[in-house]
Amino acid sequence: IGNEKASRAVGMANNKNPLMIVIPCHRVIGANGN
């Protein structure tokens, strides 16, 4: 999204996704693969 320092904000937005599965927030993992 062009804001490489926004990892935490991306995580919070991911957490607020109202359309789970259809908007695939489950495909986001930690940087270490966890």
All heavy atoms as atom14 arrays in JSON, in Angstrom:
{
  "sequence": "IGNEKASRAVGMANNKNPLMIVIPCHRVIGANGN",
  "atom14_mask": [
    [1, 1, 1, 1, 1, 1, 1, 1, 0, 0, 0, 0, 0, 0],
    [1, 1, 1, 1, 0, 0, 0, 0, 0, 0, 0, 0, 0, 0],
    [1, 1, 1, 1, 1, 1, 1, 1, 0, 0, 0, 0, 0, 0],
    [1, 1, 1, 1, 1, 1, 1, 1, 1, 0, 0, 0, 0, 0],
    [1, 1, 1, 1, 1, 1, 1, 1, 1, 0, 0, 0, 0, 0],
    [1, 1, 1, 1, 1, 0, 0, 0, 0, 0, 0, 0, 0, 0],
    [1, 1, 1, 1, 1, 1, 0, 0, 0, 0, 0, 0, 0, 0],
    [1, 1, 1, 1, 1, 1, 1, 1, 1, 1, 1, 0, 0, 0],
    [1, 1, 1, 1, 1, 0, 0, 0, 0, 0, 0, 0, 0, 0],
    [1, 1, 1, 1, 1, 1, 1, 0, 0, 0, 0, 0, 0, 0],
    [1, 1, 1, 1, 0, 0, 0, 0, 0, 0, 0, 0, 0, 0],
    [1, 1, 1, 1, 1, 1, 1, 1, 0, 0, 0, 0, 0, 0],
    [1, 1, 1, 1, 1, 0, 0, 0, 0, 0, 0, 0, 0, 0],
    [1, 1, 1, 1, 1, 1, 1, 1, 0, 0, 0, 0, 0, 0],
    [1, 1, 1, 1, 1, 1, 1, 1, 0, 0, 0, 0, 0, 0],
    [1, 1, 1, 1, 1, 1, 1, 1, 1, 0, 0, 0, 0, 0],
    [1, 1, 1, 1, 1, 1, 1, 1, 0, 0, 0, 0, 0, 0],
    [1, 1, 1, 1, 1, 1, 1, 0, 0, 0, 0, 0, 0, 0],
    [1, 1, 1, 1, 1, 1, 1, 1, 0, 0, 0, 0, 0, 0],
    [1, 1, 1, 1, 1, 1, 1, 1, 0, 0, 0, 0, 0, 0],
    [1, 1, 1, 1, 1, 1, 1, 1, 0, 0, 0, 0, 0, 0],
    [1, 1, 1, 1, 1, 1, 1, 0, 0, 0, 0, 0, 0, 0],
    [1, 1, 1, 1, 1, 1, 1, 1, 0, 0, 0, 0, 0, 0],
    [1, 1, 1, 1, 1, 1, 1, 0, 0, 0, 0, 0, 0, 0],
    [1, 1, 1, 1, 1, 1, 0, 0, 0, 0, 0, 0, 0, 0],
    [1, 1, 1, 1, 1, 1, 1, 1, 1, 1, 0, 0, 0, 0],
    [1, 1, 1, 1, 1, 1, 1, 1, 1, 1, 1, 0, 0, 0],
    [1, 1, 1, 1, 1, 1, 1, 0, 0, 0, 0, 0, 0, 0],
    [1, 1, 1, 1, 1, 1, 1, 1, 0, 0, 0, 0, 0, 0],
    [1, 1, 1, 1, 0, 0, 0, 0, 0, 0, 0, 0, 0, 0],
    [1, 1, 1, 1, 1, 0, 0, 0, 0, 0, 0, 0, 0, 0],
    [1, 1, 1, 1, 1, 1, 1, 1, 0, 0, 0, 0, 0, 0],
    [1, 1, 1, 1, 0, 0, 0, 0, 0, 0, 0, 0, 0, 0],
    [1, 1, 1, 1, 1, 1, 1, 1, 0, 0, 0, 0, 0, 0]
  ],
  "atom14_positions": [
    [[0.82, -1.22, 0.0], [0.0, 0.0, 0.0], [0.85, 1.27, 0.0], [0.33, 2.38, 0.04], [-1.01, 0.02, 1.17], [-0.3, 0.09, 2.52], [-1.97, -1.15, 1.08], [-1.22, 0.42, 3.68], [0.0, 0.0, 0.0], [0.0, 0.0, 0.0], [0.0, 0.0, 0.0], [0.0, 0.0, 0.0], [0.0, 0.0, 0.0], [0.0, 0.0, 0.0]],
    [[2.18, 1.09, -0.06], [3.07, 2.24, -0.17], [3.43, 2.92, 1.13], [3.84, 4.08, 1.14], [0.0, 0.0, 0.0], [0.0, 0.0, 0.0], [0.0, 0.0, 0.0], [0.0, 0.0, 0.0], [0.0, 0.0, 0.0], [0.0, 0.0, 0.0], [0.0, 0.0, 0.0], [0.0, 0.0, 0.0], [0.0, 0.0, 0.0], [0.0, 0.0, 0.0]],
    [[3.31, 2.19, 2.24], [3.65, 2.77, 3.55], [4.34, 1.69, 4.38], [3.75, 1.11, 5.29], [2.38, 3.27, 4.24], [2.66, 4.13, 5.44], [3.78, 4.16, 5.94], [1.63, 4.8, 5.92], [0.0, 0.0, 0.0], [0.0, 0.0, 0.0], [0.0, 0.0, 0.0], [0.0, 0.0, 0.0], [0.0, 0.0, 0.0], [0.0, 0.0, 0.0]],
    [[5.6, 1.44, 4.06], [6.31, 0.3, 4.64], [6.45, 0.34, 6.15], [6.73, -0.67, 6.77], [7.67, 0.12, 3.97], [8.65, 1.24, 4.21], [9.93, 1.03, 3.45], [9.87, 0.85, 2.21], [10.99, 1.02, 4.1], [0.0, 0.0, 0.0], [0.0, 0.0, 0.0], [0.0, 0.0, 0.0], [0.0, 0.0, 0.0], [0.0, 0.0, 0.0]],
    [[6.26, 1.5, 6.78], [6.36, 1.59, 8.24], [5.01, 1.39, 8.93], [4.91, 1.54, 10.14], [6.95, 2.94, 8.63], [8.36, 3.11, 8.13], [8.99, 4.37, 8.64], [10.32, 4.55, 7.96], [11.45, 4.56, 8.79], [0.0, 0.0, 0.0], [0.0, 0.0, 0.0], [0.0, 0.0, 0.0], [0.0, 0.0, 0.0], [0.0, 0.0, 0.0]],
    [[3.98, 1.04, 8.17], [2.63, 0.95, 8.71], [2.2, -0.48, 9.05], [1.01, -0.78, 9.07], [1.64, 1.57, 7.73], [0.0, 0.0, 0.0], [0.0, 0.0, 0.0], [0.0, 0.0, 0.0], [0.0, 0.0, 0.0], [0.0, 0.0, 0.0], [0.0, 0.0, 0.0], [0.0, 0.0, 0.0], [0.0, 0.0, 0.0], [0.0, 0.0, 0.0]],
    [[3.15, -1.35, 9.37], [2.8, -2.76, 9.64], [1.75, -2.89, 10.73], [0.8, -3.67, 10.6], [4.04, -3.55, 10.03], [4.93, -3.62, 8.96], [0.0, 0.0, 0.0], [0.0, 0.0, 0.0], [0.0, 0.0, 0.0], [0.0, 0.0, 0.0], [0.0, 0.0, 0.0], [0.0, 0.0, 0.0], [0.0, 0.0, 0.0], [0.0, 0.0, 0.0]],
    [[1.91, -2.15, 11.83], [0.92, -2.23, 12.92], [-0.44, -1.71, 12.5], [-1.46, -2.29, 12.82], [1.41, -1.47, 14.14], [2.38, -2.24, 14.95], [2.69, -1.5, 16.22], [3.9, -2.07, 16.77], [4.12, -2.22, 18.05], [3.25, -1.79, 18.92], [5.23, -2.77, 18.46], [0.0, 0.0, 0.0], [0.0, 0.0, 0.0], [0.0, 0.0, 0.0]],
    [[-0.45, -0.6, 11.78], [-1.71, -0.03, 11.3], [-2.39, -0.99, 10.33], [-3.61, -1.15, 10.34], [-1.47, 1.33, 10.65], [0.0, 0.0, 0.0], [0.0, 0.0, 0.0], [0.0, 0.0, 0.0], [0.0, 0.0, 0.0], [0.0, 0.0, 0.0], [0.0, 0.0, 0.0], [0.0, 0.0, 0.0], [0.0, 0.0, 0.0], [0.0, 0.0, 0.0]],
    [[-1.59, -1.66, 9.51], [-2.13, -2.68, 8.59], [-2.75, -3.81, 9.41], [-3.83, -4.3, 9.09], [-1.02, -3.2, 7.65], [-1.44, -4.51, 6.97], [-0.68, -2.15, 6.61], [0.0, 0.0, 0.0], [0.0, 0.0, 0.0], [0.0, 0.0, 0.0], [0.0, 0.0, 0.0], [0.0, 0.0, 0.0], [0.0, 0.0, 0.0], [0.0, 0.0, 0.0]],
    [[-2.08, -4.22, 10.48], [-2.62, -5.26, 11.36], [-3.95, -4.86, 11.97], [-4.88, -5.66, 12.04], [0.0, 0.0, 0.0], [0.0, 0.0, 0.0], [0.0, 0.0, 0.0], [0.0, 0.0, 0.0], [0.0, 0.0, 0.0], [0.0, 0.0, 0.0], [0.0, 0.0, 0.0], [0.0, 0.0, 0.0], [0.0, 0.0, 0.0], [0.0, 0.0, 0.0]],
    [[-4.05, -3.62, 12.39], [-5.3, -3.13, 12.99], [-6.42, -3.08, 11.94], [-7.55, -3.43, 12.23], [-5.09, -1.75, 13.62], [-4.19, -1.78, 14.84], [-4.74, -2.92, 16.14], [-6.27, -2.19, 16.62], [0.0, 0.0, 0.0], [0.0, 0.0, 0.0], [0.0, 0.0, 0.0], [0.0, 0.0, 0.0], [0.0, 0.0, 0.0], [0.0, 0.0, 0.0]],
    [[-6.08, -2.64, 10.74], [-7.08, -2.61, 9.67], [-7.52, -4.03, 9.31], [-8.7, -4.29, 9.07], [-6.51, -1.9, 8.44], [0.0, 0.0, 0.0], [0.0, 0.0, 0.0], [0.0, 0.0, 0.0], [0.0, 0.0, 0.0], [0.0, 0.0, 0.0], [0.0, 0.0, 0.0], [0.0, 0.0, 0.0], [0.0, 0.0, 0.0], [0.0, 0.0, 0.0]],
    [[-6.56, -4.94, 9.28], [-6.87, -6.35, 9.02], [-7.84, -6.88, 10.06], [-8.81, -7.57, 9.75], [-5.56, -7.15, 9.02], [-5.66, -8.46, 8.31], [-6.18, -8.54, 7.21], [-5.13, -9.5, 8.93], [0.0, 0.0, 0.0], [0.0, 0.0, 0.0], [0.0, 0.0, 0.0], [0.0, 0.0, 0.0], [0.0, 0.0, 0.0], [0.0, 0.0, 0.0]],
    [[-7.61, -6.5, 11.31], [-8.45, -6.92, 12.43], [-9.87, -6.38, 12.32], [-10.8, -7.0, 12.83], [-7.8, -6.45, 13.74], [-8.61, -6.79, 14.95], [-9.48, -6.03, 15.35], [-8.32, -7.94, 15.53], [0.0, 0.0, 0.0], [0.0, 0.0, 0.0], [0.0, 0.0, 0.0], [0.0, 0.0, 0.0], [0.0, 0.0, 0.0], [0.0, 0.0, 0.0]],
    [[-10.06, -5.27, 11.65], [-11.37, -4.64, 11.51], [-12.1, -5.06, 10.24], [-13.2, -4.56, 9.96], [-11.24, -3.11, 11.53], [-10.64, -2.54, 12.8], [-11.55, -2.76, 13.97], [-10.96, -2.12, 15.22], [-11.64, -2.54, 16.42], [0.0, 0.0, 0.0], [0.0, 0.0, 0.0], [0.0, 0.0, 0.0], [0.0, 0.0, 0.0], [0.0, 0.0, 0.0]],
    [[-11.53, -5.96, 9.48], [-12.15, -6.42, 8.23], [-13.54, -6.99, 8.52], [-13.67, -7.99, 9.22], [-11.26, -7.5, 7.6], [-11.89, -8.18, 6.41], [-12.84, -7.7, 5.83], [-11.36, -9.33, 6.07], [0.0, 0.0, 0.0], [0.0, 0.0, 0.0], [0.0, 0.0, 0.0], [0.0, 0.0, 0.0], [0.0, 0.0, 0.0], [0.0, 0.0, 0.0]],
    [[-14.59, -6.38, 7.96], [-15.95, -6.87, 8.24], [-16.39, -8.04, 7.36], [-17.45, -8.6, 7.58], [-16.81, -5.63, 7.97], [-16.06, -4.88, 6.92], [-14.6, -5.13, 7.21], [0.0, 0.0, 0.0], [0.0, 0.0, 0.0], [0.0, 0.0, 0.0], [0.0, 0.0, 0.0], [0.0, 0.0, 0.0], [0.0, 0.0, 0.0], [0.0, 0.0, 0.0]],
    [[-15.58, -8.39, 6.35], [-15.99, -9.43, 5.42], [-14.98, -10.58, 5.38], [-14.38, -10.89, 4.35], [-16.18, -8.84, 4.02], [-17.39, -7.91, 3.89], [-17.35, -7.14, 2.59], [-18.68, -8.7, 4.02], [0.0, 0.0, 0.0], [0.0, 0.0, 0.0], [0.0, 0.0, 0.0], [0.0, 0.0, 0.0], [0.0, 0.0, 0.0], [0.0, 0.0, 0.0]],
    [[-14.81, -11.22, 6.55], [-13.86, -12.32, 6.63], [-14.1, -13.35, 5.54], [-15.22, -13.51, 5.07], [-13.91, -12.96, 8.01], [-15.17, -13.75, 8.26], [-15.0, -14.84, 9.65], [-15.76, -13.89, 10.9], [0.0, 0.0, 0.0], [0.0, 0.0, 0.0], [0.0, 0.0, 0.0], [0.0, 0.0, 0.0], [0.0, 0.0, 0.0], [0.0, 0.0, 0.0]],
    [[-13.07, -13.99, 5.15], [-13.0, -15.01, 4.1], [-13.15, -14.38, 2.72], [-12.28, -14.56, 1.88], [-14.01, -16.17, 4.3], [-13.79, -16.81, 5.68], [-13.9, -17.2, 3.18], [-14.88, -17.75, 6.12], [0.0, 0.0, 0.0], [0.0, 0.0, 0.0], [0.0, 0.0, 0.0], [0.0, 0.0, 0.0], [0.0, 0.0, 0.0], [0.0, 0.0, 0.0]],
    [[-14.22, -13.63, 2.48], [-14.41, -12.99, 1.18], [-13.31, -11.97, 0.94], [-12.72, -11.92, -0.14], [-15.81, -12.35, 1.08], [-15.96, -11.55, -0.19], [-16.89, -13.43, 1.16], [0.0, 0.0, 0.0], [0.0, 0.0, 0.0], [0.0, 0.0, 0.0], [0.0, 0.0, 0.0], [0.0, 0.0, 0.0], [0.0, 0.0, 0.0], [0.0, 0.0, 0.0]],
    [[-13.01, -11.14, 1.94], [-11.81, -10.31, 1.94], [-10.83, -11.1, 2.8], [-10.98, -11.17, 4.01], [-12.06, -8.9, 2.49], [-13.05, -8.14, 1.61], [-10.74, -8.13, 2.59], [-13.4, -6.75, 2.1], [0.0, 0.0, 0.0], [0.0, 0.0, 0.0], [0.0, 0.0, 0.0], [0.0, 0.0, 0.0], [0.0, 0.0, 0.0], [0.0, 0.0, 0.0]],
    [[-9.86, -11.76, 2.19], [-9.11, -12.83, 2.85], [-8.05, -12.39, 3.87], [-6.85, -12.58, 3.68], [-8.47, -13.57, 1.67], [-8.26, -12.5, 0.66], [-9.45, -11.58, 0.8], [0.0, 0.0, 0.0], [0.0, 0.0, 0.0], [0.0, 0.0, 0.0], [0.0, 0.0, 0.0], [0.0, 0.0, 0.0], [0.0, 0.0, 0.0], [0.0, 0.0, 0.0]],
    [[-8.5, -11.87, 4.99], [-7.58, -11.46, 6.05], [-6.85, -12.67, 6.66], [-5.79, -12.51, 7.26], [-8.3, -10.65, 7.12], [-9.75, -11.46, 7.82], [0.0, 0.0, 0.0], [0.0, 0.0, 0.0], [0.0, 0.0, 0.0], [0.0, 0.0, 0.0], [0.0, 0.0, 0.0], [0.0, 0.0, 0.0], [0.0, 0.0, 0.0], [0.0, 0.0, 0.0]],
    [[-7.39, -13.86, 6.47], [-6.74, -15.06, 6.99], [-5.42, -15.36, 6.27], [-4.61, -16.13, 6.76], [-7.68, -16.28, 6.9], [-8.1, -16.62, 5.5], [-9.13, -15.96, 4.86], [-7.62, -17.53, 4.63], [-9.27, -16.46, 3.65], [-8.36, -17.42, 3.48], [0.0, 0.0, 0.0], [0.0, 0.0, 0.0], [0.0, 0.0, 0.0], [0.0, 0.0, 0.0]],
    [[-5.19, -14.71, 5.13], [-3.96, -14.93, 4.36], [-2.8, -14.06, 4.84], [-1.74, -14.07, 4.22], [-4.23, -14.67, 2.87], [-5.21, -15.67, 2.27], [-5.46, -15.43, 0.81], [-6.56, -16.29, 0.36], [-7.35, -15.99, -0.65], [-7.17, -14.88, -1.35], [-8.33, -16.81, -0.98], [0.0, 0.0, 0.0], [0.0, 0.0, 0.0], [0.0, 0.0, 0.0]],
    [[-3.0, -13.32, 5.92], [-1.93, -12.47, 6.45], [-1.31, -13.14, 7.67], [-2.02, -13.57, 8.58], [-2.46, -11.07, 6.81], [-1.33, -10.18, 7.31], [-3.14, -10.43, 5.6], [0.0, 0.0, 0.0], [0.0, 0.0, 0.0], [0.0, 0.0, 0.0], [0.0, 0.0, 0.0], [0.0, 0.0, 0.0], [0.0, 0.0, 0.0], [0.0, 0.0, 0.0]],
    [[0.01, -13.23, 7.64], [0.76, -13.92, 8.69], [1.85, -13.0, 9.23], [2.14, -11.96, 8.63], [1.36, -15.24, 8.17], [2.3, -14.97, 6.99], [0.24, -16.22, 7.77], [3.07, -16.18, 6.5], [0.0, 0.0, 0.0], [0.0, 0.0, 0.0], [0.0, 0.0, 0.0], [0.0, 0.0, 0.0], [0.0, 0.0, 0.0], [0.0, 0.0, 0.0]],
    [[2.47, -13.41, 10.31], [3.58, -12.65, 10.86], [4.8, -12.72, 9.95], [4.93, -13.64, 9.14], [0.0, 0.0, 0.0], [0.0, 0.0, 0.0], [0.0, 0.0, 0.0], [0.0, 0.0, 0.0], [0.0, 0.0, 0.0], [0.0, 0.0, 0.0], [0.0, 0.0, 0.0], [0.0, 0.0, 0.0], [0.0, 0.0, 0.0], [0.0, 0.0, 0.0]],
    [[5.7, -11.76, 10.1], [6.92, -11.71, 9.27], [7.76, -12.97, 9.42], [8.45, -13.39, 8.49], [7.75, -10.48, 9.63], [0.0, 0.0, 0.0], [0.0, 0.0, 0.0], [0.0, 0.0, 0.0], [0.0, 0.0, 0.0], [0.0, 0.0, 0.0], [0.0, 0.0, 0.0], [0.0, 0.0, 0.0], [0.0, 0.0, 0.0], [0.0, 0.0, 0.0]],
    [[7.67, -13.63, 10.59], [8.43, -14.85, 10.84], [7.71, -16.1, 10.35], [8.17, -17.21, 10.57], [8.75, -14.97, 12.33], [7.49, -15.02, 13.19], [6.37, -15.02, 12.68], [7.68, -15.06, 14.49], [0.0, 0.0, 0.0], [0.0, 0.0, 0.0], [0.0, 0.0, 0.0], [0.0, 0.0, 0.0], [0.0, 0.0, 0.0], [0.0, 0.0, 0.0]],
    [[6.55, -15.92, 9.71], [5.79, -17.05, 9.18], [4.78, -17.62, 10.14], [4.01, -18.51, 9.79], [0.0, 0.0, 0.0], [0.0, 0.0, 0.0], [0.0, 0.0, 0.0], [0.0, 0.0, 0.0], [0.0, 0.0, 0.0], [0.0, 0.0, 0.0], [0.0, 0.0, 0.0], [0.0, 0.0, 0.0], [0.0, 0.0, 0.0], [0.0, 0.0, 0.0]],
    [[4.73, -17.1, 11.37], [3.77, -17.58, 12.36], [2.37, -17.07, 12.07], [2.19, -15.96, 11.56], [4.17, -17.14, 13.77], [5.38, -17.89, 14.28], [5.72, -18.96, 13.79], [6.03, -17.31, 15.27], [0.0, 0.0, 0.0], [0.0, 0.0, 0.0], [0.0, 0.0, 0.0], [0.0, 0.0, 0.0], [0.0, 0.0, 0.0], [0.0, 0.0, 0.0]]
  ]
}
